[in-house]
Amino acid sequence: MQKSYNQMWKESGTDLSYKEWRRMYDDDNELNFDKVEIPKIPPLKDNPMFKKTMSDLSKASGLKEDVSGKTTLGINKNILIIASIIIVGAIGYKIYQLKKGK
């Protein structure tokens, strides 16, 4: 069982008050933590096992590996362009009718 700070202060036989002794004790321990080296972990993306697992998961889920660039959010770009032209035309026609009616 580890000793409490109060017991360690009493056993140290110091003339300092508990508050001063504790501040000094904590400062000394902070200096010791600065000397500890933190190991550097390589990025996970560089791990060949990670790359293999991601490849296996993408194949199992049915994802395409090659990107054609002909779709946006899975919808053909030509269809998106035609739909946007129709929507903008309908909004423009509605605005025209409202202004003509005044």
PDB file of N, CA and C in Angstrom:
ATOM      1  N   MET A   1       0.841  -1.176   0.000  1.00  0.00           N
ATOM      2  CA  MET A   1       0.000   0.000   0.000  1.00  0.00           C
ATOM      3  C   MET A   1       0.889   1.242   0.000  1.00  0.00           C
ATOM      4  N   GLN A   2       0.516   2.208  -0.813  1.00  0.00           N
ATOM      5  CA  GLN A   2       1.318   3.412  -0.947  1.00  0.00           C
ATOM      6  C   GLN A   2       1.027   4.375   0.211  1.00  0.00           C
ATOM      7  N   LYS A   3       2.059   5.066   0.629  1.00  0.00           N
ATOM      8  CA  LYS A   3       1.920   6.024   1.730  1.00  0.00           C
ATOM      9  C   LYS A   3       1.236   7.291   1.215  1.00  0.00           C
ATOM     10  N   SER A   4       0.501   7.940   2.110  1.00  0.00           N
ATOM     11  CA  SER A   4      -0.131   9.205   1.752  1.00  0.00           C
ATOM     12  C   SER A   4       0.929  10.312   1.794  1.00  0.00           C
ATOM     13  N   TYR A   5       0.584  11.429   1.180  1.00  0.00           N
ATOM     14  CA  TYR A   5       1.512  12.563   1.181  1.00  0.00           C
ATOM     15  C   TYR A   5       1.770  13.057   2.610  1.00  0.00           C
ATOM     16  N   ASN A   6       0.734  13.022   3.438  1.00  0.00           N
ATOM     17  CA  ASN A   6       0.873  13.472   4.816  1.00  0.00           C
ATOM     18  C   ASN A   6       1.874  12.584   5.565  1.00  0.00           C
ATOM     19  N   GLN A   7       1.811  11.266   5.361  1.00  0.00           N
ATOM     20  CA  GLN A   7       2.761  10.353   6.019  1.00  0.00           C
ATOM     21  C   GLN A   7       4.181  10.590   5.509  1.00  0.00           C
ATOM     22  N   MET A   8       4.321  10.808   4.210  1.00  0.00           N
ATOM     23  CA  MET A   8       5.656  11.051   3.650  1.00  0.00           C
ATOM     24  C   MET A   8       6.236  12.346   4.204  1.00  0.00           C
ATOM     25  N   TRP A   9       5.403  13.385   4.390  1.00  0.00           N
ATOM     26  CA  TRP A   9       5.866  14.659   4.943  1.00  0.00           C
ATOM     27  C   TRP A   9       6.362  14.476   6.373  1.00  0.00           C
ATOM     28  N   LYS A  10       5.598  13.695   7.166  1.00  0.00           N
ATOM     29  CA  LYS A  10       5.990  13.464   8.551  1.00  0.00           C
ATOM     30  C   LYS A  10       7.293  12.676   8.636  1.00  0.00           C
ATOM     31  N   GLU A  11       7.476  11.687   7.747  1.00  0.00           N
ATOM     32  CA  GLU A  11       8.686  10.854   7.759  1.00  0.00           C
ATOM     33  C   GLU A  11       9.902  11.590   7.214  1.00  0.00           C
ATOM     34  N   SER A  12       9.681  12.647   6.419  1.00  0.00           N
ATOM     35  CA  SER A  12      10.820  13.355   5.843  1.00  0.00           C
ATOM     36  C   SER A  12      11.589  14.158   6.897  1.00  0.00           C
ATOM     37  N   GLY A  13      10.935  14.511   7.993  1.00  0.00           N
ATOM     38  CA  GLY A  13      11.603  15.251   9.062  1.00  0.00           C
ATOM     39  C   GLY A  13      12.015  16.655   8.652  1.00  0.00           C
ATOM     40  N   THR A  14      11.303  17.261   7.752  1.00  0.00           N
ATOM     41  CA  THR A  14      11.638  18.592   7.256  1.00  0.00           C
ATOM     42  C   THR A  14      11.093  19.673   8.176  1.00  0.00           C
ATOM     43  N   ASP A  15      11.690  20.865   8.078  1.00  0.00           N
ATOM     44  CA  ASP A  15      11.218  22.013   8.848  1.00  0.00           C
ATOM     45  C   ASP A  15      10.140  22.779   8.080  1.00  0.00           C
ATOM     46  N   LEU A  16       9.904  22.406   6.810  1.00  0.00           N
ATOM     47  CA  LEU A  16       8.925  23.101   5.968  1.00  0.00           C
ATOM     48  C   LEU A  16       7.509  22.743   6.408  1.00  0.00           C
ATOM     49  N   SER A  17       6.585  23.677   6.166  1.00  0.00           N
ATOM     50  CA  SER A  17       5.173  23.357   6.415  1.00  0.00           C
ATOM     51  C   SER A  17       4.730  22.337   5.359  1.00  0.00           C
ATOM     52  N   TYR A  18       3.605  21.692   5.633  1.00  0.00           N
ATOM     53  CA  TYR A  18       3.110  20.678   4.692  1.00  0.00           C
ATOM     54  C   TYR A  18       2.875  21.278   3.313  1.00  0.00           C
ATOM     55  N   LYS A  19       2.288  22.479   3.278  1.00  0.00           N
ATOM     56  CA  LYS A  19       1.977  23.139   2.009  1.00  0.00           C
ATOM     57  C   LYS A  19       3.248  23.419   1.209  1.00  0.00           C
ATOM     58  N   GLU A  20       4.286  23.925   1.858  1.00  0.00           N
ATOM     59  CA  GLU A  20       5.554  24.214   1.171  1.00  0.00           C
ATOM     60  C   GLU A  20       6.223  22.920   0.722  1.00  0.00           C
ATOM     61  N   TRP A  21       6.206  21.899   1.610  1.00  0.00           N
ATOM     62  CA  TRP A  21       6.823  20.613   1.262  1.00  0.00           C
ATOM     63  C   TRP A  21       6.124  19.990   0.070  1.00  0.00           C
ATOM     64  N   ARG A  22       4.783  20.058   0.048  1.00  0.00           N
ATOM     65  CA  ARG A  22       4.011  19.470  -1.047  1.00  0.00           C
ATOM     66  C   ARG A  22       4.297  20.175  -2.356  1.00  0.00           C
ATOM     67  N   ARG A  23       4.405  21.515  -2.329  1.00  0.00           N
ATOM     68  CA  ARG A  23       4.715  22.268  -3.540  1.00  0.00           C
ATOM     69  C   ARG A  23       6.094  21.862  -4.067  1.00  0.00           C
ATOM     70  N   MET A  24       7.072  21.730  -3.170  1.00  0.00           N
ATOM     71  CA  MET A  24       8.417  21.323  -3.571  1.00  0.00           C
ATOM     72  C   MET A  24       8.406  19.884  -4.115  1.00  0.00           C
ATOM     73  N   TYR A  25       7.663  19.009  -3.465  1.00  0.00           N
ATOM     74  CA  TYR A  25       7.573  17.606  -3.893  1.00  0.00           C
ATOM     75  C   TYR A  25       6.963  17.524  -5.294  1.00  0.00           C
ATOM     76  N   ASP A  26       5.884  18.264  -5.526  1.00  0.00           N
ATOM     77  CA  ASP A  26       5.233  18.253  -6.843  1.00  0.00           C
ATOM     78  C   ASP A  26       6.137  18.840  -7.920  1.00  0.00           C
ATOM     79  N   ASP A  27       6.880  19.912  -7.585  1.00  0.00           N
ATOM     80  CA  ASP A  27       7.807  20.499  -8.555  1.00  0.00           C
ATOM     81  C   ASP A  27       8.908  19.521  -8.933  1.00  0.00           C
ATOM     82  N   ASP A  28       9.422  18.783  -7.968  1.00  0.00           N
ATOM     83  CA  ASP A  28      10.457  17.784  -8.252  1.00  0.00           C
ATOM     84  C   ASP A  28       9.921  16.683  -9.151  1.00  0.00           C
ATOM     85  N   ASN A  29       8.691  16.256  -8.926  1.00  0.00           N
ATOM     86  CA  ASN A  29       8.108  15.200  -9.751  1.00  0.00           C
ATOM     87  C   ASN A  29       7.814  15.677 -11.158  1.00  0.00           C
ATOM     88  N   GLU A  30       7.463  16.942 -11.322  1.00  0.00           N
ATOM     89  CA  GLU A  30       7.245  17.473 -12.669  1.00  0.00           C
ATOM     90  C   GLU A  30       8.540  17.451 -13.466  1.00  0.00           C
ATOM     91  N   LEU A  31       9.661  17.758 -12.824  1.00  0.00           N
ATOM     92  CA  LEU A  31      10.951  17.729 -13.510  1.00  0.00           C
ATOM     93  C   LEU A  31      11.279  16.322 -13.966  1.00  0.00           C
ATOM     94  N   ASN A  32      10.929  15.326 -13.192  1.00  0.00           N
ATOM     95  CA  ASN A  32      11.198  13.939 -13.568  1.00  0.00           C
ATOM     96  C   ASN A  32      10.365  13.519 -14.773  1.00  0.00           C
ATOM     97  N   PHE A  33       9.158  14.058 -14.898  1.00  0.00           N
ATOM     98  CA  PHE A  33       8.329  13.701 -16.044  1.00  0.00           C
ATOM     99  C   PHE A  33       8.884  14.275 -17.335  1.00  0.00           C
ATOM    100  N   ASP A  34       9.615  15.391 -17.249  1.00  0.00           N
ATOM    101  CA  ASP A  34      10.198  15.976 -18.452  1.00  0.00           C
ATOM    102  C   ASP A  34      11.280  15.093 -19.051  1.00  0.00           C
ATOM    103  N   LYS A  35      11.886  14.244 -18.243  1.00  0.00           N
ATOM    104  CA  LYS A  35      12.972  13.390 -18.717  1.00  0.00           C
ATOM    105  C   LYS A  35      12.466  12.127 -19.405  1.00  0.00           C
ATOM    106  N   VAL A  36      11.190  11.811 -19.254  1.00  0.00           N
ATOM    107  CA  VAL A  36      10.629  10.602 -19.845  1.00  0.00           C
ATOM    108  C   VAL A  36      10.401  10.833 -21.332  1.00  0.00           C
ATOM    109  N   GLU A  37      10.894   9.912 -22.141  1.00  0.00           N
ATOM    110  CA  GLU A  37      10.706  10.025 -23.585  1.00  0.00           C
ATOM    111  C   GLU A  37       9.439   9.286 -23.986  1.00  0.00           C
ATOM    112  N   ILE A  38       8.621   9.947 -24.775  1.00  0.00           N
ATOM    113  CA  ILE A  38       7.397   9.330 -25.270  1.00  0.00           C
ATOM    114  C   ILE A  38       7.738   8.631 -26.583  1.00  0.00           C
ATOM    115  N   PRO A  39       7.439   7.344 -26.681  1.00  0.00           N
ATOM    116  CA  PRO A  39       7.776   6.634 -27.927  1.00  0.00           C
ATOM    117  C   PRO A  39       6.959   7.170 -29.095  1.00  0.00           C
ATOM    118  N   LYS A  40       7.595   7.261 -30.239  1.00  0.00           N
ATOM    119  CA  LYS A  40       6.920   7.746 -31.436  1.00  0.00           C
ATOM    120  C   LYS A  40       6.278   6.561 -32.143  1.00  0.00           C
ATOM    121  N   ILE A  41       4.988   6.697 -32.432  1.00  0.00           N
ATOM    122  CA  ILE A  41       4.234   5.648 -33.090  1.00  0.00           C
ATOM    123  C   ILE A  41       4.072   6.048 -34.549  1.00  0.00           C
ATOM    124  N   PRO A  42       4.443   5.174 -35.468  1.00  0.00           N
ATOM    125  CA  PRO A  42       4.291   5.526 -36.887  1.00  0.00           C
ATOM    126  C   PRO A  42       2.810   5.645 -37.246  1.00  0.00           C
ATOM    127  N   PRO A  43       2.481   6.452 -38.244  1.00  0.00           N
ATOM    128  CA  PRO A  43       1.080   6.596 -38.649  1.00  0.00           C
ATOM    129  C   PRO A  43       0.481   5.262 -39.069  1.00  0.00           C
ATOM    130  N   LEU A  44      -0.786   5.089 -38.761  1.00  0.00           N
ATOM    131  CA  LEU A  44      -1.462   3.828 -39.042  1.00  0.00           C
ATOM    132  C   LEU A  44      -1.581   3.576 -40.541  1.00  0.00           C
ATOM    133  N   LYS A  45      -1.698   4.648 -41.314  1.00  0.00           N
ATOM    134  CA  LYS A  45      -1.871   4.499 -42.759  1.00  0.00           C
ATOM    135  C   LYS A  45      -0.655   3.874 -43.425  1.00  0.00           C
ATOM    136  N   ASP A  46       0.515   3.979 -42.804  1.00  0.00           N
ATOM    137  CA  ASP A  46       1.724   3.406 -43.386  1.00  0.00           C
ATOM    138  C   ASP A  46       1.877   1.922 -43.100  1.00  0.00           C
ATOM    139  N   ASN A  47       1.064   1.393 -42.219  1.00  0.00           N
ATOM    140  CA  ASN A  47       1.156  -0.008 -41.841  1.00  0.00           C
ATOM    141  C   ASN A  47       0.615  -0.888 -42.971  1.00  0.00           C
ATOM    142  N   PRO A  48       1.414  -1.849 -43.476  1.00  0.00           N
ATOM    143  CA  PRO A  48       0.943  -2.691 -44.574  1.00  0.00           C
ATOM    144  C   PRO A  48      -0.258  -3.559 -44.191  1.00  0.00           C
ATOM    145  N   MET A  49      -0.334  -3.970 -42.934  1.00  0.00           N
ATOM    146  CA  MET A  49      -1.473  -4.772 -42.488  1.00  0.00           C
ATOM    147  C   MET A  49      -2.760  -3.951 -42.551  1.00  0.00           C
ATOM    148  N   PHE A  50      -2.666  -2.656 -42.198  1.00  0.00           N
ATOM    149  CA  PHE A  50      -3.820  -1.763 -42.277  1.00  0.00           C
ATOM    150  C   PHE A  50      -4.277  -1.617 -43.732  1.00  0.00           C
ATOM    151  N   LYS A  51      -3.325  -1.431 -44.639  1.00  0.00           N
ATOM    152  CA  LYS A  51      -3.670  -1.281 -46.055  1.00  0.00           C
ATOM    153  C   LYS A  51      -4.350  -2.530 -46.596  1.00  0.00           C
ATOM    154  N   LYS A  52      -3.837  -3.704 -46.207  1.00  0.00           N
ATOM    155  CA  LYS A  52      -4.427  -4.956 -46.670  1.00  0.00           C
ATOM    156  C   LYS A  52      -5.840  -5.116 -46.121  1.00  0.00           C
ATOM    157  N   THR A  53      -6.037  -4.806 -44.859  1.00  0.00           N
ATOM    158  CA  THR A  53      -7.352  -4.930 -44.250  1.00  0.00           C
ATOM    159  C   THR A  53      -8.346  -3.979 -44.907  1.00  0.00           C
ATOM    160  N   MET A  54      -7.934  -2.747 -45.169  1.00  0.00           N
ATOM    161  CA  MET A  54      -8.824  -1.790 -45.833  1.00  0.00           C
ATOM    162  C   MET A  54      -9.167  -2.255 -47.247  1.00  0.00           C
ATOM    163  N   SER A  55      -8.197  -2.825 -47.934  1.00  0.00           N
ATOM    164  CA  SER A  55      -8.447  -3.343 -49.268  1.00  0.00           C
ATOM    165  C   SER A  55      -9.449  -4.492 -49.220  1.00  0.00           C
ATOM    166  N   ASP A  56      -9.274  -5.397 -48.270  1.00  0.00           N
ATOM    167  CA  ASP A  56     -10.201  -6.528 -48.134  1.00  0.00           C
ATOM    168  C   ASP A  56     -11.611  -6.059 -47.796  1.00  0.00           C
ATOM    169  N   LEU A  57     -11.716  -5.071 -46.916  1.00  0.00           N
ATOM    170  CA  LEU A  57     -13.032  -4.553 -46.547  1.00  0.00           C
ATOM    171  C   LEU A  57     -13.728  -3.878 -47.721  1.00  0.00           C
ATOM    172  N   SER A  58     -12.973  -3.119 -48.508  1.00  0.00           N
ATOM    173  CA  SER A  58     -13.589  -2.443 -49.648  1.00  0.00           C
ATOM    174  C   SER A  58     -14.040  -3.445 -50.705  1.00  0.00           C
ATOM    175  N   LYS A  59     -13.278  -4.500 -50.894  1.00  0.00           N
ATOM    176  CA  LYS A  59     -13.688  -5.539 -51.846  1.00  0.00           C
ATOM    177  C   LYS A  59     -14.919  -6.273 -51.346  1.00  0.00           C
ATOM    178  N   ALA A  60     -14.965  -6.575 -50.056  1.00  0.00           N
ATOM    179  CA  ALA A  60     -16.094  -7.307 -49.485  1.00  0.00           C
ATOM    180  C   ALA A  60     -17.371  -6.467 -49.503  1.00  0.00           C
ATOM    181  N   SER A  61     -17.238  -5.150 -49.392  1.00  0.00           N
ATOM    182  CA  SER A  61     -18.422  -4.287 -49.383  1.00  0.00           C
ATOM    183  C   SER A  61     -18.887  -3.932 -50.784  1.00  0.00           C
ATOM    184  N   GLY A  62     -18.112  -4.264 -51.797  1.00  0.00           N
ATOM    185  CA  GLY A  62     -18.518  -4.012 -53.176  1.00  0.00           C
ATOM    186  C   GLY A  62     -18.164  -2.630 -53.680  1.00  0.00           C
ATOM    187  N   LEU A  63     -17.256  -1.942 -53.047  1.00  0.00           N
ATOM    188  CA  LEU A  63     -16.843  -0.619 -53.509  1.00  0.00           C
ATOM    189  C   LEU A  63     -15.978  -0.740 -54.756  1.00  0.00           C
ATOM    190  N   LYS A  64     -16.148   0.212 -55.670  1.00  0.00           N
ATOM    191  CA  LYS A  64     -15.328   0.220 -56.869  1.00  0.00           C
ATOM    192  C   LYS A  64     -13.975   0.818 -56.542  1.00  0.00           C
ATOM    193  N   GLU A  65     -12.931   0.242 -57.099  1.00  0.00           N
ATOM    194  CA  GLU A  65     -11.590   0.760 -56.842  1.00  0.00           C
ATOM    195  C   GLU A  65     -11.223   1.872 -57.814  1.00  0.00           C
ATOM    196  N   ASP A  66     -11.741   1.816 -59.034  1.00  0.00           N
ATOM    197  CA  ASP A  66     -11.427   2.857 -60.015  1.00  0.00           C
ATOM    198  C   ASP A  66     -12.543   3.902 -60.012  1.00  0.00           C
ATOM    199  N   VAL A  67     -12.163   5.154 -60.086  1.00  0.00           N
ATOM    200  CA  VAL A  67     -13.121   6.249 -60.074  1.00  0.00           C
ATOM    201  C   VAL A  67     -13.222   6.792 -61.489  1.00  0.00           C
ATOM    202  N   SER A  68     -14.442   6.795 -62.025  1.00  0.00           N
ATOM    203  CA  SER A  68     -14.616   7.221 -63.414  1.00  0.00           C
ATOM    204  C   SER A  68     -14.741   8.733 -63.542  1.00  0.00           C
ATOM    205  N   GLY A  69     -15.300   9.407 -62.558  1.00  0.00           N
ATOM    206  CA  GLY A  69     -15.475  10.849 -62.636  1.00  0.00           C
ATOM    207  C   GLY A  69     -16.715  11.255 -63.409  1.00  0.00           C
ATOM    208  N   LYS A  70     -17.549  10.290 -63.785  1.00  0.00           N
ATOM    209  CA  LYS A  70     -18.753  10.589 -64.548  1.00  0.00           C
ATOM    210  C   LYS A  70     -19.983  10.737 -63.657  1.00  0.00           C
ATOM    211  N   THR A  71     -19.828  10.531 -62.363  1.00  0.00           N
ATOM    212  CA  THR A  71     -20.975  10.612 -61.462  1.00  0.00           C
ATOM    213  C   THR A  71     -20.682  11.554 -60.295  1.00  0.00           C
ATOM    214  N   THR A  72     -21.767  12.081 -59.721  1.00  0.00           N
ATOM    215  CA  THR A  72     -21.695  12.872 -58.503  1.00  0.00           C
ATOM    216  C   THR A  72     -22.738  12.292 -57.557  1.00  0.00           C
ATOM    217  N   LEU A  73     -22.279  11.846 -56.386  1.00  0.00           N
ATOM    218  CA  LEU A  73     -23.147  11.175 -55.422  1.00  0.00           C
ATOM    219  C   LEU A  73     -23.882   9.990 -56.046  1.00  0.00           C
ATOM    220  N   GLY A  74     -23.229   9.335 -56.982  1.00  0.00           N
ATOM    221  CA  GLY A  74     -23.794   8.146 -57.610  1.00  0.00           C
ATOM    222  C   GLY A  74     -24.775   8.440 -58.729  1.00  0.00           C
ATOM    223  N   ILE A  75     -24.959   9.705 -59.097  1.00  0.00           N
ATOM    224  CA  ILE A  75     -25.890  10.083 -60.165  1.00  0.00           C
ATOM    225  C   ILE A  75     -25.080  10.619 -61.336  1.00  0.00           C
ATOM    226  N   ASN A  76     -25.445  10.192 -62.527  1.00  0.00           N
ATOM    227  CA  ASN A  76     -24.763  10.618 -63.742  1.00  0.00           C
ATOM    228  C   ASN A  76     -24.789  12.140 -63.843  1.00  0.00           C
ATOM    229  N   LYS A  77     -23.660  12.739 -64.208  1.00  0.00           N
ATOM    230  CA  LYS A  77     -23.550  14.202 -64.265  1.00  0.00           C
ATOM    231  C   LYS A  77     -24.487  14.807 -65.310  1.00  0.00           C
ATOM    232  N   ASN A  78     -24.698  14.111 -66.434  1.00  0.00           N
ATOM    233  CA  ASN A  78     -25.596  14.634 -67.475  1.00  0.00           C
ATOM    234  C   ASN A  78     -27.019  14.754 -66.942  1.00  0.00           C
ATOM    235  N   ILE A  79     -27.456  13.780 -66.172  1.00  0.00           N
ATOM    236  CA  ILE A  79     -28.807  13.824 -65.599  1.00  0.00           C
ATOM    237  C   ILE A  79     -28.916  14.979 -64.605  1.00  0.00           C
ATOM    238  N   LEU A  80     -27.878  15.193 -63.803  1.00  0.00           N
ATOM    239  CA  LEU A  80     -27.892  16.310 -62.857  1.00  0.00           C
ATOM    240  C   LEU A  80     -27.972  17.653 -63.570  1.00  0.00           C
ATOM    241  N   ILE A  81     -27.252  17.805 -64.679  1.00  0.00           N
ATOM    242  CA  ILE A  81     -27.263  19.067 -65.432  1.00  0.00           C
ATOM    243  C   ILE A  81     -28.646  19.311 -66.026  1.00  0.00           C
ATOM    244  N   ILE A  82     -29.241  18.289 -66.628  1.00  0.00           N
ATOM    245  CA  ILE A  82     -30.570  18.436 -67.242  1.00  0.00           C
ATOM    246  C   ILE A  82     -31.609  18.757 -66.161  1.00  0.00           C
ATOM    247  N   ALA A  83     -31.538  18.075 -65.022  1.00  0.00           N
ATOM    248  CA  ALA A  83     -32.504  18.318 -63.944  1.00  0.00           C
ATOM    249  C   ALA A  83     -32.350  19.729 -63.391  1.00  0.00           C
ATOM    250  N   SER A  84     -31.122  20.203 -63.251  1.00  0.00           N
ATOM    251  CA  SER A  84     -30.928  21.566 -62.732  1.00  0.00           C
ATOM    252  C   SER A  84     -31.431  22.609 -63.722  1.00  0.00           C
ATOM    253  N   ILE A  85     -31.270  22.374 -65.024  1.00  0.00           N
ATOM    254  CA  ILE A  85     -31.787  23.307 -66.037  1.00  0.00           C
ATOM    255  C   ILE A  85     -33.312  23.365 -65.962  1.00  0.00           C
ATOM    256  N   ILE A  86     -33.956  22.218 -65.798  1.00  0.00           N
ATOM    257  CA  ILE A  86     -35.423  22.180 -65.703  1.00  0.00           C
ATOM    258  C   ILE A  86     -35.896  22.924 -64.450  1.00  0.00           C
ATOM    259  N   ILE A  87     -35.223  22.691 -63.325  1.00  0.00           N
ATOM    260  CA  ILE A  87     -35.621  23.331 -62.068  1.00  0.00           C
ATOM    261  C   ILE A  87     -35.442  24.846 -62.151  1.00  0.00           C
ATOM    262  N   VAL A  88     -34.298  25.292 -62.669  1.00  0.00           N
ATOM    263  CA  VAL A  88     -34.048  26.734 -62.796  1.00  0.00           C
ATOM    264  C   VAL A  88     -35.040  27.351 -63.778  1.00  0.00           C
ATOM    265  N   GLY A  89     -35.355  26.644 -64.849  1.00  0.00           N
ATOM    266  CA  GLY A  89     -36.352  27.143 -65.816  1.00  0.00           C
ATOM    267  C   GLY A  89     -37.729  27.263 -65.178  1.00  0.00           C
ATOM    268  N   ALA A  90     -38.125  26.282 -64.382  1.00  0.00           N
ATOM    269  CA  ALA A  90     -39.438  26.319 -63.731  1.00  0.00           C
ATOM    270  C   ALA A  90     -39.510  27.468 -62.731  1.00  0.00           C
ATOM    271  N   ILE A  91     -38.448  27.695 -61.981  1.00  0.00           N
ATOM    272  CA  ILE A  91     -38.424  28.805 -61.023  1.00  0.00           C
ATOM    273  C   ILE A  91     -38.485  30.142 -61.769  1.00  0.00           C
ATOM    274  N   GLY A  92     -37.735  30.247 -62.854  1.00  0.00           N
ATOM    275  CA  GLY A  92     -37.756  31.472 -63.663  1.00  0.00           C
ATOM    276  C   GLY A  92     -39.131  31.726 -64.271  1.00  0.00           C
ATOM    277  N   TYR A  93     -39.782  30.686 -64.755  1.00  0.00           N
ATOM    278  CA  TYR A  93     -41.123  30.826 -65.339  1.00  0.00           C
ATOM    279  C   TYR A  93     -42.128  31.272 -64.282  1.00  0.00           C
ATOM    280  N   LYS A  94     -42.033  30.708 -63.077  1.00  0.00           N
ATOM    281  CA  LYS A  94     -42.945  31.073 -61.988  1.00  0.00           C
ATOM    282  C   LYS A  94     -42.744  32.539 -61.589  1.00  0.00           C
ATOM    283  N   ILE A  95     -41.485  32.985 -61.502  1.00  0.00           N
ATOM    284  CA  ILE A  95     -41.200  34.389 -61.187  1.00  0.00           C
ATOM    285  C   ILE A  95     -41.745  35.300 -62.290  1.00  0.00           C
ATOM    286  N   TYR A  96     -41.589  34.888 -63.545  1.00  0.00           N
ATOM    287  CA  TYR A  96     -42.103  35.659 -64.678  1.00  0.00           C
ATOM    288  C   TYR A  96     -43.622  35.801 -64.597  1.00  0.00           C
ATOM    289  N   GLN A  97     -44.320  34.714 -64.269  1.00  0.00           N
ATOM    290  CA  GLN A  97     -45.778  34.757 -64.161  1.00  0.00           C
ATOM    291  C   GLN A  97     -46.222  35.677 -63.022  1.00  0.00           C
ATOM    292  N   LEU A  98     -45.511  35.633 -61.891  1.00  0.00           N
ATOM    293  CA  LEU A  98     -45.885  36.492 -60.765  1.00  0.00           C
ATOM    294  C   LEU A  98     -45.694  37.969 -61.094  1.00  0.00           C
ATOM    295  N   LYS A  99     -44.637  38.309 -61.810  1.00  0.00           N
ATOM    296  CA  LYS A  99     -44.386  39.706 -62.171  1.00  0.00           C
ATOM    297  C   LYS A  99     -45.339  40.169 -63.259  1.00  0.00           C
ATOM    298  N   LYS A 100     -45.722  39.269 -64.165  1.00  0.00           N
ATOM    299  CA  LYS A 100     -46.638  39.608 -65.265  1.00  0.00           C
ATOM    300  C   LYS A 100     -48.038  39.862 -64.736  1.00  0.00           C
ATOM    301  N   GLY A 101     -48.427  39.158 -63.673  1.00  0.00           N
ATOM    302  CA  GLY A 101     -49.756  39.295 -63.103  1.00  0.00           C
ATOM    303  C   GLY A 101     -49.963  40.589 -62.350  1.00  0.00           C
ATOM    304  N   LYS A 102     -48.956  41.309 -62.013  1.00  0.00           N
ATOM    305  CA  LYS A 102     -49.099  42.564 -61.242  1.00  0.00           C
ATOM    306  C   LYS A 102     -49.547  43.680 -62.094  1.00  0.00           C
TER     307      LYS A 102
END
